[in-house]
N, C-alpha and C. Protein backbone atom coordinates (compact mmCIF):
# COMPACT_ATOMS: atom_id res chain seq x y z
N SER A 1 -5.93 -5.60 10.75
CA SER A 1 -4.68 -6.31 10.51
C SER A 1 -3.55 -5.67 11.30
N GLU A 2 -2.91 -6.48 12.11
CA GLU A 2 -1.82 -5.97 12.95
C GLU A 2 -0.64 -5.48 12.12
N ILE A 3 -0.31 -6.23 11.08
CA ILE A 3 0.82 -5.87 10.22
C ILE A 3 0.58 -4.50 9.59
N ALA A 4 -0.58 -4.32 8.99
CA ALA A 4 -0.90 -3.05 8.33
C ALA A 4 -0.91 -1.90 9.33
N GLU A 5 -1.50 -2.14 10.50
CA GLU A 5 -1.56 -1.09 11.52
C GLU A 5 -0.16 -0.65 11.96
N LYS A 6 0.74 -1.60 12.06
CA LYS A 6 2.11 -1.28 12.44
C LYS A 6 2.76 -0.36 11.40
N TYR A 7 2.60 -0.72 10.13
CA TYR A 7 3.16 0.12 9.06
C TYR A 7 2.51 1.50 9.06
N ILE A 8 1.21 1.56 9.22
CA ILE A 8 0.49 2.84 9.20
C ILE A 8 0.96 3.72 10.35
N LYS A 9 1.06 3.14 11.53
CA LYS A 9 1.50 3.90 12.71
C LYS A 9 2.90 4.47 12.51
N GLU A 10 3.81 3.63 12.02
CA GLU A 10 5.19 4.08 11.77
C GLU A 10 5.22 5.15 10.68
N ALA A 11 4.42 4.97 9.63
CA ALA A 11 4.38 5.94 8.53
C ALA A 11 3.92 7.30 9.01
N VAL A 12 2.89 7.33 9.86
CA VAL A 12 2.37 8.59 10.39
C VAL A 12 3.46 9.30 11.20
N ILE A 13 4.19 8.56 12.00
CA ILE A 13 5.28 9.15 12.80
C ILE A 13 6.34 9.75 11.88
N LYS A 14 6.74 9.01 10.86
CA LYS A 14 7.77 9.51 9.93
C LYS A 14 7.29 10.77 9.21
N ARG A 15 6.03 10.78 8.83
CA ARG A 15 5.48 11.96 8.16
C ARG A 15 5.51 13.17 9.09
N GLU A 16 5.12 12.95 10.34
CA GLU A 16 5.13 14.05 11.32
C GLU A 16 6.55 14.57 11.56
N GLU A 17 7.53 13.67 11.46
CA GLU A 17 8.94 14.05 11.64
C GLU A 17 9.52 14.71 10.38
N GLY A 18 8.76 14.69 9.30
CA GLY A 18 9.24 15.29 8.05
C GLY A 18 10.09 14.36 7.21
N ASP A 19 10.15 13.09 7.59
CA ASP A 19 10.93 12.09 6.85
C ASP A 19 10.02 11.47 5.79
N ILE A 20 9.83 12.19 4.69
CA ILE A 20 8.87 11.79 3.66
C ILE A 20 9.33 10.54 2.92
N GLU A 21 10.64 10.39 2.75
CA GLU A 21 11.14 9.19 2.07
C GLU A 21 10.74 7.92 2.84
N SER A 22 10.95 7.93 4.15
CA SER A 22 10.56 6.78 4.97
C SER A 22 9.05 6.61 5.00
N PHE A 23 8.33 7.73 5.04
CA PHE A 23 6.86 7.69 5.03
C PHE A 23 6.36 6.97 3.78
N VAL A 24 6.85 7.37 2.62
CA VAL A 24 6.42 6.76 1.36
C VAL A 24 6.81 5.28 1.32
N ASP A 25 8.04 4.97 1.76
CA ASP A 25 8.47 3.57 1.80
C ASP A 25 7.58 2.73 2.69
N LEU A 26 7.27 3.24 3.87
CA LEU A 26 6.44 2.47 4.81
C LEU A 26 5.04 2.22 4.26
N VAL A 27 4.49 3.20 3.57
CA VAL A 27 3.15 3.00 2.98
C VAL A 27 3.20 1.99 1.84
N THR A 28 4.13 2.18 0.91
CA THR A 28 4.15 1.29 -0.26
C THR A 28 4.63 -0.11 0.08
N ILE A 29 5.65 -0.22 0.89
CA ILE A 29 6.14 -1.54 1.31
C ILE A 29 5.11 -2.20 2.22
N GLY A 30 4.51 -1.41 3.10
CA GLY A 30 3.49 -1.93 4.00
C GLY A 30 2.30 -2.49 3.24
N LEU A 31 1.86 -1.77 2.23
CA LEU A 31 0.73 -2.22 1.42
C LEU A 31 1.08 -3.54 0.71
N ARG A 32 2.25 -3.59 0.11
CA ARG A 32 2.68 -4.81 -0.58
C ARG A 32 2.82 -5.98 0.40
N ASP A 33 3.37 -5.71 1.57
CA ASP A 33 3.55 -6.73 2.60
C ASP A 33 2.18 -7.26 3.06
N TYR A 34 1.28 -6.35 3.35
CA TYR A 34 -0.07 -6.72 3.78
C TYR A 34 -0.75 -7.59 2.72
N MET A 35 -0.70 -7.14 1.47
CA MET A 35 -1.33 -7.89 0.38
C MET A 35 -0.69 -9.28 0.23
N SER A 36 0.63 -9.34 0.36
CA SER A 36 1.35 -10.61 0.23
C SER A 36 0.92 -11.60 1.31
N LEU A 37 0.85 -11.12 2.54
CA LEU A 37 0.45 -11.99 3.65
C LEU A 37 -1.01 -12.41 3.53
N LYS A 38 -1.84 -11.49 3.10
CA LYS A 38 -3.28 -11.76 3.00
C LYS A 38 -3.57 -12.81 1.92
N GLN A 39 -2.84 -12.75 0.83
CA GLN A 39 -3.16 -13.59 -0.31
C GLN A 39 -2.13 -14.67 -0.63
N LYS A 40 -1.04 -14.71 0.10
CA LYS A 40 0.02 -15.69 -0.18
C LYS A 40 0.54 -15.56 -1.61
N ILE A 41 0.58 -14.31 -2.08
CA ILE A 41 1.15 -13.99 -3.39
C ILE A 41 2.26 -12.98 -3.10
N ASN A 42 3.41 -13.15 -3.71
CA ASN A 42 4.55 -12.29 -3.37
C ASN A 42 4.49 -10.93 -4.08
N TYR A 43 3.61 -10.09 -3.62
CA TYR A 43 3.51 -8.73 -4.17
C TYR A 43 4.73 -7.89 -3.84
N LYS A 44 5.46 -8.28 -2.80
CA LYS A 44 6.62 -7.48 -2.36
C LYS A 44 7.71 -7.42 -3.42
N GLU A 45 7.84 -8.48 -4.20
CA GLU A 45 8.91 -8.57 -5.20
C GLU A 45 8.49 -8.09 -6.59
N MET A 46 7.24 -7.66 -6.72
CA MET A 46 6.72 -7.29 -8.04
C MET A 46 6.90 -5.80 -8.32
N THR A 47 7.06 -5.49 -9.61
CA THR A 47 7.00 -4.09 -10.03
C THR A 47 5.53 -3.66 -10.00
N THR A 48 5.28 -2.39 -10.10
CA THR A 48 3.90 -1.89 -10.12
C THR A 48 3.15 -2.50 -11.31
N PHE A 49 3.82 -2.62 -12.45
CA PHE A 49 3.19 -3.23 -13.63
C PHE A 49 2.78 -4.68 -13.35
N GLU A 50 3.68 -5.43 -12.71
CA GLU A 50 3.38 -6.83 -12.38
C GLU A 50 2.24 -6.93 -11.37
N VAL A 51 2.21 -6.01 -10.42
CA VAL A 51 1.10 -5.98 -9.45
C VAL A 51 -0.21 -5.77 -10.20
N ARG A 52 -0.22 -4.81 -11.12
CA ARG A 52 -1.43 -4.53 -11.88
C ARG A 52 -1.93 -5.78 -12.60
N ARG A 53 -1.01 -6.50 -13.21
CA ARG A 53 -1.38 -7.72 -13.93
C ARG A 53 -1.93 -8.78 -12.97
N SER A 54 -1.29 -8.94 -11.82
CA SER A 54 -1.71 -9.96 -10.85
C SER A 54 -3.05 -9.63 -10.20
N LEU A 55 -3.34 -8.35 -10.05
CA LEU A 55 -4.58 -7.95 -9.39
C LEU A 55 -5.82 -8.41 -10.15
N ARG A 56 -5.70 -8.55 -11.45
CA ARG A 56 -6.84 -9.00 -12.26
C ARG A 56 -7.38 -10.35 -11.79
N HIS A 57 -6.50 -11.17 -11.22
CA HIS A 57 -6.87 -12.54 -10.83
C HIS A 57 -6.97 -12.70 -9.32
N ASP A 58 -6.87 -11.60 -8.59
CA ASP A 58 -6.86 -11.65 -7.13
C ASP A 58 -8.28 -11.42 -6.60
N LYS A 59 -8.84 -12.44 -5.95
CA LYS A 59 -10.23 -12.36 -5.50
C LYS A 59 -10.45 -11.31 -4.41
N VAL A 60 -9.47 -11.08 -3.57
CA VAL A 60 -9.63 -10.10 -2.49
C VAL A 60 -9.35 -8.68 -2.96
N PHE A 61 -8.30 -8.50 -3.75
CA PHE A 61 -7.84 -7.15 -4.06
C PHE A 61 -8.22 -6.63 -5.45
N SER A 62 -8.79 -7.46 -6.31
CA SER A 62 -9.09 -6.99 -7.67
C SER A 62 -10.04 -5.80 -7.67
N SER A 63 -11.01 -5.79 -6.78
CA SER A 63 -11.97 -4.67 -6.73
C SER A 63 -11.32 -3.39 -6.20
N LEU A 64 -10.15 -3.51 -5.59
CA LEU A 64 -9.44 -2.35 -5.03
C LEU A 64 -8.25 -1.95 -5.90
N SER A 65 -8.16 -2.53 -7.10
CA SER A 65 -6.95 -2.33 -7.90
C SER A 65 -6.68 -0.86 -8.22
N ASP A 66 -7.70 -0.06 -8.50
CA ASP A 66 -7.48 1.37 -8.79
C ASP A 66 -6.81 2.07 -7.62
N ASP A 67 -7.32 1.81 -6.42
CA ASP A 67 -6.77 2.45 -5.21
C ASP A 67 -5.34 1.97 -4.93
N ILE A 68 -5.13 0.68 -5.09
CA ILE A 68 -3.79 0.11 -4.86
C ILE A 68 -2.79 0.70 -5.85
N LEU A 69 -3.17 0.76 -7.12
CA LEU A 69 -2.26 1.28 -8.15
C LEU A 69 -2.01 2.77 -7.98
N THR A 70 -2.99 3.51 -7.49
CA THR A 70 -2.78 4.94 -7.21
C THR A 70 -1.66 5.11 -6.19
N ILE A 71 -1.71 4.33 -5.13
CA ILE A 71 -0.69 4.40 -4.08
C ILE A 71 0.68 4.00 -4.63
N LEU A 72 0.74 2.89 -5.33
CA LEU A 72 2.03 2.42 -5.85
C LEU A 72 2.61 3.38 -6.87
N LYS A 73 1.77 3.95 -7.72
CA LYS A 73 2.26 4.91 -8.73
C LYS A 73 2.76 6.20 -8.08
N LEU A 74 2.07 6.66 -7.03
CA LEU A 74 2.56 7.84 -6.30
C LEU A 74 3.92 7.54 -5.69
N GLY A 75 4.06 6.36 -5.11
CA GLY A 75 5.34 5.97 -4.54
C GLY A 75 6.43 5.91 -5.60
N ASP A 76 6.09 5.37 -6.77
CA ASP A 76 7.06 5.30 -7.87
C ASP A 76 7.48 6.69 -8.33
N ARG A 77 6.50 7.59 -8.45
CA ARG A 77 6.81 8.96 -8.87
C ARG A 77 7.80 9.60 -7.90
N PHE A 78 7.57 9.40 -6.63
CA PHE A 78 8.44 9.99 -5.60
C PHE A 78 9.83 9.36 -5.64
N LYS A 79 9.87 8.02 -5.70
CA LYS A 79 11.15 7.31 -5.58
C LYS A 79 11.98 7.33 -6.86
N PHE A 80 11.32 7.15 -8.00
CA PHE A 80 12.07 6.95 -9.24
C PHE A 80 12.11 8.17 -10.14
N ALA A 81 11.15 9.08 -10.00
CA ALA A 81 11.14 10.27 -10.84
C ALA A 81 11.60 11.50 -10.05
N ASP A 82 12.00 11.27 -8.79
CA ASP A 82 12.45 12.36 -7.93
C ASP A 82 11.44 13.50 -7.88
N GLU A 83 10.19 13.15 -7.89
CA GLU A 83 9.12 14.14 -7.90
C GLU A 83 8.66 14.40 -6.47
N ASP A 84 8.60 15.66 -6.09
CA ASP A 84 8.08 16.00 -4.77
C ASP A 84 6.58 15.75 -4.75
N LEU A 85 6.12 15.19 -3.64
CA LEU A 85 4.69 14.95 -3.50
C LEU A 85 4.06 16.10 -2.72
N LEU A 86 2.84 16.40 -3.07
CA LEU A 86 2.09 17.44 -2.36
C LEU A 86 1.53 16.86 -1.07
N GLU A 87 1.14 17.74 -0.17
CA GLU A 87 0.50 17.31 1.07
C GLU A 87 -0.74 16.46 0.76
N SER A 88 -1.46 16.83 -0.29
CA SER A 88 -2.65 16.05 -0.68
C SER A 88 -2.26 14.64 -1.13
N ASP A 89 -1.08 14.49 -1.74
CA ASP A 89 -0.59 13.17 -2.12
C ASP A 89 -0.30 12.32 -0.88
N HIS A 90 0.25 12.97 0.15
CA HIS A 90 0.52 12.26 1.41
C HIS A 90 -0.79 11.72 1.99
N GLU A 91 -1.83 12.54 1.92
CA GLU A 91 -3.14 12.12 2.42
C GLU A 91 -3.67 10.94 1.61
N ILE A 92 -3.52 11.01 0.30
CA ILE A 92 -3.97 9.90 -0.56
C ILE A 92 -3.23 8.62 -0.18
N LEU A 93 -1.94 8.71 0.07
CA LEU A 93 -1.15 7.53 0.42
C LEU A 93 -1.63 6.89 1.72
N ILE A 94 -1.68 7.67 2.79
CA ILE A 94 -2.00 7.08 4.10
C ILE A 94 -3.48 6.70 4.20
N ASN A 95 -4.36 7.56 3.71
CA ASN A 95 -5.79 7.25 3.78
C ASN A 95 -6.17 6.12 2.84
N GLY A 96 -5.50 6.06 1.70
CA GLY A 96 -5.74 4.98 0.76
C GLY A 96 -5.33 3.64 1.34
N PHE A 97 -4.17 3.60 1.98
CA PHE A 97 -3.69 2.38 2.63
C PHE A 97 -4.71 1.92 3.68
N ARG A 98 -5.15 2.86 4.52
CA ARG A 98 -6.14 2.53 5.56
C ARG A 98 -7.43 1.98 4.94
N ALA A 99 -7.91 2.64 3.90
CA ALA A 99 -9.18 2.24 3.27
C ALA A 99 -9.08 0.86 2.63
N ILE A 100 -7.95 0.57 2.00
CA ILE A 100 -7.75 -0.73 1.36
C ILE A 100 -7.78 -1.83 2.42
N VAL A 101 -7.09 -1.60 3.53
CA VAL A 101 -7.06 -2.59 4.61
C VAL A 101 -8.46 -2.80 5.18
N GLU A 102 -9.15 -1.69 5.46
CA GLU A 102 -10.51 -1.79 6.01
C GLU A 102 -11.42 -2.59 5.08
N THR A 103 -11.39 -2.27 3.81
CA THR A 103 -12.26 -2.96 2.85
C THR A 103 -11.89 -4.43 2.72
N ALA A 104 -10.60 -4.72 2.62
CA ALA A 104 -10.15 -6.11 2.48
C ALA A 104 -10.53 -6.93 3.72
N GLU A 105 -10.40 -6.32 4.89
CA GLU A 105 -10.74 -7.03 6.13
C GLU A 105 -12.25 -7.28 6.21
N LYS A 106 -13.01 -6.30 5.79
CA LYS A 106 -14.47 -6.40 5.81
C LYS A 106 -14.96 -7.47 4.83
N ASN A 107 -14.32 -7.52 3.68
CA ASN A 107 -14.72 -8.47 2.63
C ASN A 107 -14.23 -9.88 2.89
N GLY A 108 -13.34 -10.01 3.86
CA GLY A 108 -12.84 -11.34 4.22
C GLY A 108 -11.93 -11.91 3.16
N GLY A 109 -11.82 -13.22 3.18
CA GLY A 109 -10.95 -13.88 2.22
C GLY A 109 -9.50 -13.78 2.63
N GLY A 110 -8.70 -14.55 1.99
CA GLY A 110 -7.25 -14.51 2.26
C GLY A 110 -6.91 -15.10 3.61
N SER A 111 -5.71 -14.81 4.03
CA SER A 111 -5.17 -15.37 5.26
C SER A 111 -5.47 -14.47 6.45
N ASP A 112 -5.66 -15.06 7.59
CA ASP A 112 -5.92 -14.27 8.80
C ASP A 112 -4.66 -13.75 9.46
N THR A 113 -3.49 -14.13 8.94
CA THR A 113 -2.25 -13.70 9.57
C THR A 113 -1.85 -12.30 9.17
N ALA A 114 -2.48 -11.74 8.16
CA ALA A 114 -2.10 -10.40 7.68
C ALA A 114 -2.51 -9.34 8.67
């Protein structure tokens, strides 16, 4: 997915520059954007709780819900609880985003524009 790759590439650059706030934003917003385009469901405007509820009925992403929610919850912890993330959390964010995209693309379904 071109959209996801763009977000991932930008996120990696921000992380290397030490801009963790932008890194986390690019991963979490990128994931929501990718999912929204893939499924024509507006995940971008949903809270993490709403995403969790919607994933139950999502044919492409329901099997990835644990991984998706891990990423979104880490992002929430960083953004809303002012919690510093560990280097291992950064790895979970970027590698999780990559793995979700790879699996979703392999499993097909959804829109090809994502």
